[in-house]
Amino acid sequence: MEKLFDPDIELRLIQGYAPFAIGDLLVMPYPVPHDAREPAQFVFSDGAVRLGVLTDVGYATPHIKLCLSGCQALVMECNHDPALLERSDYPASLKQRIASRFGHLDNGQAEHLLSTLDCSRLQHVLAAHLSETNNRPELARAALSRALGCTQDWIGIAEQYGGSAWREIA
């Protein structure tokens, strides 16, 4: 019979949104509006630099903005383009769920959120959680580059199956 748990692996449950450490890495969960039970996203820090991750979120709350401001790197959901979603062959109920306040950020919402953050220390931005059907990397790049006033090639894309190249945060 196959073992379900390796006794040499330490297993710890996350307690709500309380920060916790993994070695020298501080993990700070924060709540997000999404159609899941107790949805959370994370900011990771070694005490010198911060990486903010935001996917599976319906809209940007003031608390989300506070958590992500001042990060040196961001991974941001750019799930869909509203026009592509509207024209897709998804059922109407799924389209409504995706576009709702408990669904996913579209490119324009991600652009607006990024434009409201303190980006003075930002070194990297990756667009993530792009729908294969309802978005295009060039649309996500264009939206985020407008928010930052940078060239589109400065914005990275975290691909669904390939991820992204390693980035160094100083």
N, C-alpha and C. Protein backbone atom coordinates (compact mmCIF):
# COMPACT_ATOMS: atom_id res chain seq x y z
N MET A 1 0.83 -1.19 0.00
CA MET A 1 0.00 0.00 0.00
C MET A 1 0.88 1.25 0.00
N GLU A 2 0.50 2.23 -0.78
CA GLU A 2 1.25 3.48 -0.90
C GLU A 2 1.06 4.34 0.34
N LYS A 3 2.18 4.92 0.84
CA LYS A 3 2.11 5.82 1.99
C LYS A 3 1.49 7.15 1.57
N LEU A 4 0.60 7.66 2.39
CA LEU A 4 -0.01 8.96 2.10
C LEU A 4 0.86 10.11 2.55
N PHE A 5 1.60 9.93 3.63
CA PHE A 5 2.43 11.01 4.16
C PHE A 5 3.83 10.49 4.43
N ASP A 6 4.81 11.27 4.11
CA ASP A 6 6.19 10.95 4.41
C ASP A 6 6.48 11.45 5.82
N PRO A 7 6.85 10.59 6.76
CA PRO A 7 7.07 11.02 8.14
C PRO A 7 8.24 11.99 8.28
N ASP A 8 9.09 12.08 7.27
CA ASP A 8 10.23 13.00 7.34
C ASP A 8 9.88 14.42 6.89
N ILE A 9 8.67 14.60 6.39
CA ILE A 9 8.23 15.92 5.95
C ILE A 9 7.41 16.57 7.06
N GLU A 10 7.81 17.77 7.43
CA GLU A 10 7.07 18.50 8.46
C GLU A 10 5.80 19.10 7.84
N LEU A 11 4.68 18.88 8.46
CA LEU A 11 3.41 19.39 7.99
C LEU A 11 2.87 20.37 9.02
N ARG A 12 2.59 21.61 8.56
CA ARG A 12 2.02 22.61 9.45
C ARG A 12 0.80 23.22 8.78
N LEU A 13 -0.25 23.41 9.55
CA LEU A 13 -1.45 24.06 9.03
C LEU A 13 -1.30 25.56 9.17
N ILE A 14 -1.79 26.28 8.18
CA ILE A 14 -1.80 27.74 8.23
C ILE A 14 -2.97 28.14 9.11
N GLN A 15 -2.72 29.01 10.07
CA GLN A 15 -3.75 29.47 10.99
C GLN A 15 -4.36 30.77 10.47
N GLY A 16 -5.47 30.66 9.75
CA GLY A 16 -6.12 31.86 9.23
C GLY A 16 -5.18 32.66 8.37
N TYR A 17 -5.07 33.93 8.69
CA TYR A 17 -4.21 34.82 7.92
C TYR A 17 -2.99 35.25 8.73
N ALA A 18 -2.61 34.44 9.70
CA ALA A 18 -1.46 34.76 10.56
C ALA A 18 -0.16 34.50 9.80
N PRO A 19 0.79 35.44 9.86
CA PRO A 19 2.09 35.21 9.23
C PRO A 19 2.79 34.01 9.86
N PHE A 20 3.64 33.36 9.07
CA PHE A 20 4.42 32.24 9.58
C PHE A 20 5.76 32.21 8.85
N ALA A 21 6.72 31.51 9.44
CA ALA A 21 8.06 31.44 8.86
C ALA A 21 8.35 30.04 8.36
N ILE A 22 9.09 30.00 7.27
CA ILE A 22 9.68 28.76 6.77
C ILE A 22 11.17 29.07 6.68
N GLY A 23 11.90 28.63 7.67
CA GLY A 23 13.31 29.00 7.75
C GLY A 23 13.43 30.51 7.90
N ASP A 24 14.19 31.14 7.01
CA ASP A 24 14.37 32.60 7.04
C ASP A 24 13.33 33.35 6.23
N LEU A 25 12.39 32.63 5.65
CA LEU A 25 11.37 33.24 4.80
C LEU A 25 10.10 33.50 5.60
N LEU A 26 9.65 34.74 5.63
CA LEU A 26 8.39 35.09 6.28
C LEU A 26 7.29 35.05 5.24
N VAL A 27 6.23 34.32 5.52
CA VAL A 27 5.08 34.19 4.63
C VAL A 27 3.92 34.92 5.29
N MET A 28 3.38 35.92 4.57
CA MET A 28 2.29 36.73 5.10
C MET A 28 1.04 36.52 4.25
N PRO A 29 0.12 35.65 4.70
CA PRO A 29 -1.14 35.47 3.97
C PRO A 29 -2.04 36.69 4.15
N TYR A 30 -2.83 36.97 3.13
CA TYR A 30 -3.82 38.05 3.27
C TYR A 30 -5.10 37.63 2.55
N PRO A 31 -6.26 38.07 3.07
CA PRO A 31 -7.53 37.65 2.48
C PRO A 31 -7.80 38.34 1.15
N VAL A 32 -8.49 37.62 0.27
CA VAL A 32 -8.89 38.17 -1.02
C VAL A 32 -10.34 37.78 -1.31
N PRO A 33 -11.07 38.62 -2.05
CA PRO A 33 -12.43 38.24 -2.44
C PRO A 33 -12.40 37.27 -3.63
N HIS A 34 -12.84 36.05 -3.37
CA HIS A 34 -12.89 35.02 -4.40
C HIS A 34 -13.92 33.99 -3.98
N ASP A 35 -14.46 33.26 -4.93
CA ASP A 35 -15.52 32.31 -4.62
C ASP A 35 -14.93 30.97 -4.15
N ALA A 36 -14.25 31.04 -3.03
CA ALA A 36 -13.66 29.86 -2.40
C ALA A 36 -13.76 30.05 -0.88
N ARG A 37 -13.48 29.02 -0.16
CA ARG A 37 -13.54 29.09 1.30
C ARG A 37 -12.23 29.66 1.83
N GLU A 38 -12.31 30.75 2.57
CA GLU A 38 -11.15 31.43 3.18
C GLU A 38 -10.01 31.65 2.18
N PRO A 39 -10.29 32.28 1.03
CA PRO A 39 -9.24 32.48 0.04
C PRO A 39 -8.15 33.42 0.55
N ALA A 40 -6.92 33.07 0.22
CA ALA A 40 -5.78 33.87 0.65
C ALA A 40 -4.76 33.94 -0.48
N GLN A 41 -4.01 35.01 -0.48
CA GLN A 41 -2.83 35.14 -1.31
C GLN A 41 -1.68 35.49 -0.37
N PHE A 42 -0.48 35.71 -0.92
CA PHE A 42 0.68 35.77 -0.05
C PHE A 42 1.69 36.84 -0.46
N VAL A 43 2.36 37.39 0.56
CA VAL A 43 3.56 38.19 0.37
C VAL A 43 4.67 37.43 1.08
N PHE A 44 5.78 37.25 0.38
CA PHE A 44 6.94 36.53 0.91
C PHE A 44 8.07 37.53 1.13
N SER A 45 8.79 37.39 2.24
CA SER A 45 9.88 38.31 2.53
C SER A 45 11.01 37.61 3.26
N ASP A 46 12.23 38.03 2.95
CA ASP A 46 13.38 37.56 3.70
C ASP A 46 13.86 38.63 4.66
N GLY A 47 13.07 39.68 4.83
CA GLY A 47 13.43 40.80 5.69
C GLY A 47 14.03 41.96 4.91
N ALA A 48 14.53 41.69 3.72
CA ALA A 48 15.13 42.74 2.89
C ALA A 48 14.28 43.05 1.67
N VAL A 49 13.71 42.02 1.05
CA VAL A 49 12.90 42.20 -0.15
C VAL A 49 11.57 41.48 0.02
N ARG A 50 10.59 41.96 -0.77
CA ARG A 50 9.24 41.39 -0.68
C ARG A 50 8.74 41.01 -2.07
N LEU A 51 8.13 39.82 -2.15
CA LEU A 51 7.48 39.32 -3.37
C LEU A 51 6.00 39.18 -3.06
N GLY A 52 5.16 39.91 -3.80
CA GLY A 52 3.71 39.81 -3.63
C GLY A 52 3.10 38.95 -4.72
N VAL A 53 2.19 38.07 -4.31
CA VAL A 53 1.50 37.18 -5.25
C VAL A 53 0.01 37.45 -5.15
N LEU A 54 -0.64 37.67 -6.30
CA LEU A 54 -2.08 37.93 -6.32
C LEU A 54 -2.69 37.23 -7.53
N THR A 55 -3.41 36.14 -7.26
CA THR A 55 -4.21 35.46 -8.28
C THR A 55 -5.52 35.07 -7.62
N ASP A 56 -6.46 34.62 -8.42
CA ASP A 56 -7.75 34.18 -7.89
C ASP A 56 -8.37 35.24 -6.99
N VAL A 57 -8.65 36.38 -7.59
CA VAL A 57 -9.21 37.50 -6.85
C VAL A 57 -10.22 38.22 -7.74
N GLY A 58 -11.33 38.63 -7.16
CA GLY A 58 -12.39 39.28 -7.94
C GLY A 58 -12.22 40.78 -8.10
N TYR A 59 -11.68 41.43 -7.08
CA TYR A 59 -11.43 42.86 -7.16
C TYR A 59 -10.38 43.23 -6.13
N ALA A 60 -9.79 44.39 -6.29
CA ALA A 60 -8.72 44.84 -5.41
C ALA A 60 -9.29 45.63 -4.24
N THR A 61 -9.14 45.12 -3.06
CA THR A 61 -9.59 45.81 -1.85
C THR A 61 -8.50 46.76 -1.37
N PRO A 62 -8.84 47.70 -0.50
CA PRO A 62 -7.80 48.55 0.09
C PRO A 62 -6.73 47.73 0.81
N HIS A 63 -7.13 46.64 1.46
CA HIS A 63 -6.16 45.81 2.17
C HIS A 63 -5.18 45.15 1.20
N ILE A 64 -5.66 44.70 0.06
CA ILE A 64 -4.78 44.12 -0.96
C ILE A 64 -3.77 45.16 -1.41
N LYS A 65 -4.23 46.37 -1.65
CA LYS A 65 -3.32 47.45 -2.07
C LYS A 65 -2.25 47.71 -1.02
N LEU A 66 -2.64 47.70 0.24
CA LEU A 66 -1.70 47.89 1.34
C LEU A 66 -0.66 46.77 1.37
N CYS A 67 -1.11 45.54 1.21
CA CYS A 67 -0.20 44.39 1.25
C CYS A 67 0.80 44.40 0.11
N LEU A 68 0.39 44.82 -1.08
CA LEU A 68 1.25 44.73 -2.26
C LEU A 68 2.10 45.98 -2.51
N SER A 69 1.75 47.09 -1.89
CA SER A 69 2.53 48.32 -2.08
C SER A 69 3.94 48.15 -1.53
N GLY A 70 4.89 48.62 -2.29
CA GLY A 70 6.28 48.60 -1.84
C GLY A 70 7.02 47.31 -2.10
N CYS A 71 6.39 46.35 -2.75
CA CYS A 71 7.08 45.09 -3.07
C CYS A 71 8.16 45.32 -4.13
N GLN A 72 9.19 44.49 -4.09
CA GLN A 72 10.22 44.54 -5.14
C GLN A 72 9.83 43.69 -6.35
N ALA A 73 8.92 42.75 -6.15
CA ALA A 73 8.46 41.90 -7.26
C ALA A 73 6.99 41.56 -7.05
N LEU A 74 6.25 41.48 -8.15
CA LEU A 74 4.82 41.16 -8.10
C LEU A 74 4.49 40.10 -9.15
N VAL A 75 3.67 39.16 -8.74
CA VAL A 75 3.04 38.22 -9.66
C VAL A 75 1.56 38.56 -9.59
N MET A 76 1.02 39.07 -10.71
CA MET A 76 -0.34 39.60 -10.71
C MET A 76 -1.24 38.90 -11.70
N GLU A 77 -2.43 38.59 -11.23
CA GLU A 77 -3.43 37.98 -12.10
C GLU A 77 -3.87 38.96 -13.19
N CYS A 78 -3.83 38.49 -14.41
CA CYS A 78 -4.42 39.15 -15.57
C CYS A 78 -5.21 38.05 -16.26
N ASN A 79 -6.31 37.66 -15.68
CA ASN A 79 -6.99 36.44 -16.09
C ASN A 79 -7.62 36.52 -17.46
N HIS A 80 -8.31 37.62 -17.75
CA HIS A 80 -9.05 37.65 -19.01
C HIS A 80 -9.16 39.04 -19.58
N ASP A 81 -9.49 39.06 -20.84
CA ASP A 81 -9.85 40.29 -21.55
C ASP A 81 -11.38 40.27 -21.63
N PRO A 82 -12.06 41.32 -21.16
CA PRO A 82 -13.53 41.28 -21.14
C PRO A 82 -14.17 41.00 -22.50
N ALA A 83 -13.61 41.55 -23.57
CA ALA A 83 -14.19 41.32 -24.90
C ALA A 83 -14.03 39.86 -25.33
N LEU A 84 -12.85 39.29 -25.08
CA LEU A 84 -12.64 37.88 -25.43
C LEU A 84 -13.54 36.98 -24.59
N LEU A 85 -13.69 37.30 -23.31
CA LEU A 85 -14.57 36.50 -22.46
C LEU A 85 -16.01 36.56 -22.97
N GLU A 86 -16.46 37.74 -23.32
CA GLU A 86 -17.85 37.90 -23.79
C GLU A 86 -18.09 37.11 -25.07
N ARG A 87 -17.09 37.05 -25.96
CA ARG A 87 -17.24 36.33 -27.24
C ARG A 87 -16.96 34.83 -27.12
N SER A 88 -16.47 34.40 -25.98
CA SER A 88 -16.08 32.99 -25.84
C SER A 88 -17.31 32.09 -25.84
N ASP A 89 -17.06 30.80 -26.00
CA ASP A 89 -18.17 29.85 -26.00
C ASP A 89 -18.46 29.31 -24.59
N TYR A 90 -17.92 29.97 -23.58
CA TYR A 90 -18.24 29.58 -22.19
C TYR A 90 -19.73 29.78 -21.94
N PRO A 91 -20.33 28.96 -21.10
CA PRO A 91 -21.72 29.21 -20.71
C PRO A 91 -21.85 30.56 -20.01
N ALA A 92 -23.02 31.17 -20.13
CA ALA A 92 -23.24 32.49 -19.53
C ALA A 92 -22.96 32.49 -18.03
N SER A 93 -23.32 31.42 -17.35
CA SER A 93 -23.09 31.37 -15.90
C SER A 93 -21.60 31.40 -15.56
N LEU A 94 -20.77 30.74 -16.37
CA LEU A 94 -19.33 30.75 -16.14
C LEU A 94 -18.75 32.12 -16.45
N LYS A 95 -19.21 32.74 -17.51
CA LYS A 95 -18.75 34.10 -17.84
C LYS A 95 -19.06 35.06 -16.69
N GLN A 96 -20.27 34.94 -16.15
CA GLN A 96 -20.67 35.81 -15.03
C GLN A 96 -19.79 35.54 -13.81
N ARG A 97 -19.52 34.29 -13.51
CA ARG A 97 -18.68 33.94 -12.37
C ARG A 97 -17.28 34.53 -12.53
N ILE A 98 -16.67 34.36 -13.69
CA ILE A 98 -15.31 34.85 -13.94
C ILE A 98 -15.25 36.37 -13.80
N ALA A 99 -16.24 37.07 -14.35
CA ALA A 99 -16.24 38.53 -14.36
C ALA A 99 -16.78 39.16 -13.07
N SER A 100 -17.25 38.34 -12.13
CA SER A 100 -17.87 38.88 -10.92
C SER A 100 -16.84 39.40 -9.93
N ARG A 101 -17.34 40.04 -8.87
CA ARG A 101 -16.48 40.56 -7.80
C ARG A 101 -15.87 39.45 -6.95
N PHE A 102 -16.24 38.20 -7.22
CA PHE A 102 -15.62 37.07 -6.53
C PHE A 102 -15.01 36.11 -7.54
N GLY A 103 -14.70 36.64 -8.74
CA GLY A 103 -14.13 35.82 -9.80
C GLY A 103 -12.66 36.10 -9.99
N HIS A 104 -12.34 36.72 -11.14
CA HIS A 104 -10.94 36.93 -11.51
C HIS A 104 -10.73 38.33 -12.08
N LEU A 105 -9.54 38.88 -11.87
CA LEU A 105 -9.20 40.19 -12.41
C LEU A 105 -9.02 40.12 -13.92
N ASP A 106 -9.59 41.09 -14.60
CA ASP A 106 -9.31 41.22 -16.03
C ASP A 106 -8.08 42.12 -16.19
N ASN A 107 -7.62 42.25 -17.42
CA ASN A 107 -6.41 43.04 -17.68
C ASN A 107 -6.54 44.48 -17.20
N GLY A 108 -7.69 45.10 -17.45
CA GLY A 108 -7.90 46.49 -17.05
C GLY A 108 -7.93 46.65 -15.54
N GLN A 109 -8.52 45.70 -14.83
CA GLN A 109 -8.54 45.76 -13.37
C GLN A 109 -7.13 45.60 -12.81
N ALA A 110 -6.35 44.71 -13.39
CA ALA A 110 -4.97 44.53 -12.96
C ALA A 110 -4.17 45.80 -13.24
N GLU A 111 -4.40 46.41 -14.39
CA GLU A 111 -3.73 47.67 -14.73
C GLU A 111 -4.07 48.75 -13.71
N HIS A 112 -5.34 48.88 -13.39
CA HIS A 112 -5.75 49.90 -12.42
C HIS A 112 -5.12 49.64 -11.05
N LEU A 113 -5.18 48.39 -10.60
CA LEU A 113 -4.57 48.07 -9.31
C LEU A 113 -3.10 48.43 -9.30
N LEU A 114 -2.36 48.00 -10.31
CA LEU A 114 -0.93 48.28 -10.36
C LEU A 114 -0.65 49.78 -10.35
N SER A 115 -1.50 50.55 -11.01
CA SER A 115 -1.30 52.01 -11.05
C SER A 115 -1.53 52.68 -9.70
N THR A 116 -2.19 51.99 -8.76
CA THR A 116 -2.46 52.57 -7.45
C THR A 116 -1.44 52.16 -6.39
N LEU A 117 -0.54 51.25 -6.72
CA LEU A 117 0.44 50.75 -5.75
C LEU A 117 1.68 51.62 -5.70
N ASP A 118 2.37 51.57 -4.57
CA ASP A 118 3.71 52.15 -4.47
C ASP A 118 4.65 51.21 -5.21
N CYS A 119 5.10 51.61 -6.38
CA CYS A 119 5.97 50.78 -7.21
C CYS A 119 7.40 51.31 -7.23
N SER A 120 7.73 52.14 -6.27
CA SER A 120 9.04 52.80 -6.27
C SER A 120 10.21 51.83 -6.13
N ARG A 121 9.99 50.65 -5.58
CA ARG A 121 11.06 49.66 -5.42
C ARG A 121 10.88 48.46 -6.35
N LEU A 122 9.90 48.53 -7.23
CA LEU A 122 9.55 47.40 -8.07
C LEU A 122 10.65 47.07 -9.08
N GLN A 123 11.07 45.79 -9.09
CA GLN A 123 12.10 45.32 -10.00
C GLN A 123 11.56 44.34 -11.05
N HIS A 124 10.47 43.66 -10.71
CA HIS A 124 9.90 42.65 -11.61
C HIS A 124 8.39 42.62 -11.48
N VAL A 125 7.72 42.42 -12.61
CA VAL A 125 6.28 42.16 -12.63
C VAL A 125 6.04 41.01 -13.59
N LEU A 126 5.29 40.02 -13.10
CA LEU A 126 4.87 38.91 -13.95
C LEU A 126 3.36 38.89 -14.02
N ALA A 127 2.82 38.87 -15.22
CA ALA A 127 1.39 38.67 -15.41
C ALA A 127 1.15 37.16 -15.28
N ALA A 128 0.12 36.79 -14.50
CA ALA A 128 -0.11 35.38 -14.22
C ALA A 128 -1.58 35.03 -14.33
N HIS A 129 -1.84 33.73 -14.35
CA HIS A 129 -3.19 33.17 -14.37
C HIS A 129 -3.96 33.65 -15.60
N LEU A 130 -3.26 33.77 -16.73
CA LEU A 130 -3.90 34.16 -17.98
C LEU A 130 -4.74 33.01 -18.52
N SER A 131 -5.97 33.29 -18.85
CA SER A 131 -6.84 32.30 -19.47
C SER A 131 -6.30 31.98 -20.87
N GLU A 132 -6.20 30.69 -21.18
CA GLU A 132 -5.76 30.29 -22.52
C GLU A 132 -6.79 30.67 -23.57
N THR A 133 -8.06 30.72 -23.18
CA THR A 133 -9.15 30.99 -24.11
C THR A 133 -9.51 32.47 -24.18
N ASN A 134 -9.43 33.16 -23.04
CA ASN A 134 -10.00 34.50 -22.94
C ASN A 134 -8.97 35.60 -22.70
N ASN A 135 -7.72 35.34 -23.02
CA ASN A 135 -6.69 36.38 -22.89
C ASN A 135 -5.54 36.07 -23.83
N ARG A 136 -4.67 37.03 -23.98
CA ARG A 136 -3.46 36.89 -24.79
C ARG A 136 -2.33 37.58 -24.02
N PRO A 137 -1.13 36.99 -24.04
CA PRO A 137 -0.01 37.61 -23.32
C PRO A 137 0.23 39.06 -23.72
N GLU A 138 0.07 39.38 -25.00
CA GLU A 138 0.33 40.76 -25.43
C GLU A 138 -0.69 41.73 -24.84
N LEU A 139 -1.92 41.29 -24.59
CA LEU A 139 -2.92 42.16 -23.98
C LEU A 139 -2.60 42.41 -22.51
N ALA A 140 -2.18 41.38 -21.80
CA ALA A 140 -1.79 41.53 -20.39
C ALA A 140 -0.55 42.42 -20.27
N ARG A 141 0.44 42.18 -21.13
CA ARG A 141 1.65 43.01 -21.11
C ARG A 141 1.33 44.48 -21.38
N ALA A 142 0.47 44.73 -22.34
CA ALA A 142 0.11 46.11 -22.68
C ALA A 142 -0.55 46.80 -21.49
N ALA A 143 -1.45 46.11 -20.82
CA ALA A 143 -2.16 46.70 -19.68
C ALA A 143 -1.20 47.03 -18.55
N LEU A 144 -0.36 46.09 -18.18
CA LEU A 144 0.55 46.33 -17.05
C LEU A 144 1.63 47.35 -17.39
N SER A 145 2.08 47.37 -18.64
CA SER A 145 3.09 48.36 -19.02
C SER A 145 2.51 49.77 -19.03
N ARG A 146 1.23 49.89 -19.37
CA ARG A 146 0.59 51.22 -19.29
C ARG A 146 0.57 51.71 -17.85
N ALA A 147 0.28 50.82 -16.92
CA ALA A 147 0.22 51.21 -15.51
C ALA A 147 1.56 51.69 -15.00
N LEU A 148 2.64 51.09 -15.49
CA LEU A 148 3.98 51.44 -15.00
C LEU A 148 4.70 52.44 -15.89
N GLY A 149 4.19 52.69 -17.08
CA GLY A 149 4.88 53.58 -18.01
C GLY A 149 6.19 52.97 -18.48
N CYS A 150 6.21 51.65 -18.67
CA CYS A 150 7.42 50.97 -19.11
C CYS A 150 7.16 50.29 -20.46
N THR A 151 8.21 49.73 -21.03
CA THR A 151 8.04 49.00 -22.28
C THR A 151 7.38 47.65 -21.99
N GLN A 152 6.66 47.14 -22.97
CA GLN A 152 5.94 45.88 -22.79
C GLN A 152 6.88 44.71 -22.53
N ASP A 153 8.08 44.75 -23.10
CA ASP A 153 9.00 43.63 -22.89
C ASP A 153 9.55 43.56 -21.47
N TRP A 154 9.34 44.61 -20.66
CA TRP A 154 9.77 44.58 -19.26
C TRP A 154 8.82 43.72 -18.42
N ILE A 155 7.60 43.55 -18.87
CA ILE A 155 6.60 42.75 -18.16
C ILE A 155 6.79 41.28 -18.53
N GLY A 156 6.94 40.44 -17.52
CA GLY A 156 7.08 39.00 -17.75
C GLY A 156 5.72 38.32 -17.76
N ILE A 157 5.68 37.15 -18.32
CA ILE A 157 4.46 36.33 -18.34
C ILE A 157 4.77 35.00 -17.65
N ALA A 158 3.95 34.66 -16.67
CA ALA A 158 4.04 33.34 -16.05
C ALA A 158 3.09 32.44 -16.83
N GLU A 159 3.65 31.56 -17.63
CA GLU A 159 2.83 30.69 -18.48
C GLU A 159 2.23 29.55 -17.66
N GLN A 160 1.06 29.10 -18.07
CA GLN A 160 0.34 28.08 -17.31
C GLN A 160 1.15 26.80 -17.14
N TYR A 161 1.83 26.36 -18.16
CA TYR A 161 2.53 25.09 -18.08
C TYR A 161 4.03 25.24 -17.96
N GLY A 162 4.57 26.39 -18.36
CA GLY A 162 6.01 26.57 -18.34
C GLY A 162 6.51 27.51 -17.26
N GLY A 163 5.59 28.17 -16.57
CA GLY A 163 6.01 29.14 -15.54
C GLY A 163 6.74 30.30 -16.18
N SER A 164 7.82 30.71 -15.58
CA SER A 164 8.65 31.79 -16.13
C SER A 164 10.11 31.52 -15.80
N ALA A 165 10.96 32.27 -16.43
CA ALA A 165 12.37 32.16 -16.11
C ALA A 165 12.62 32.68 -14.69
N TRP A 166 13.69 32.24 -14.07
CA TRP A 166 14.05 32.71 -12.74
C TRP A 166 14.34 34.20 -12.80
N ARG A 167 13.98 34.88 -11.75
CA ARG A 167 14.25 36.31 -11.61
C ARG A 167 14.99 36.52 -10.30
N GLU A 168 15.91 37.46 -10.28
CA GLU A 168 16.62 37.77 -9.04
C GLU A 168 16.10 39.10 -8.49
N ILE A 169 15.81 39.09 -7.22
CA ILE A 169 15.34 40.30 -6.54
C ILE A 169 16.46 40.75 -5.62
N ALA A 170 16.89 41.99 -5.79
CA ALA A 170 18.00 42.51 -4.96
C ALA A 170 17.48 43.42 -3.87
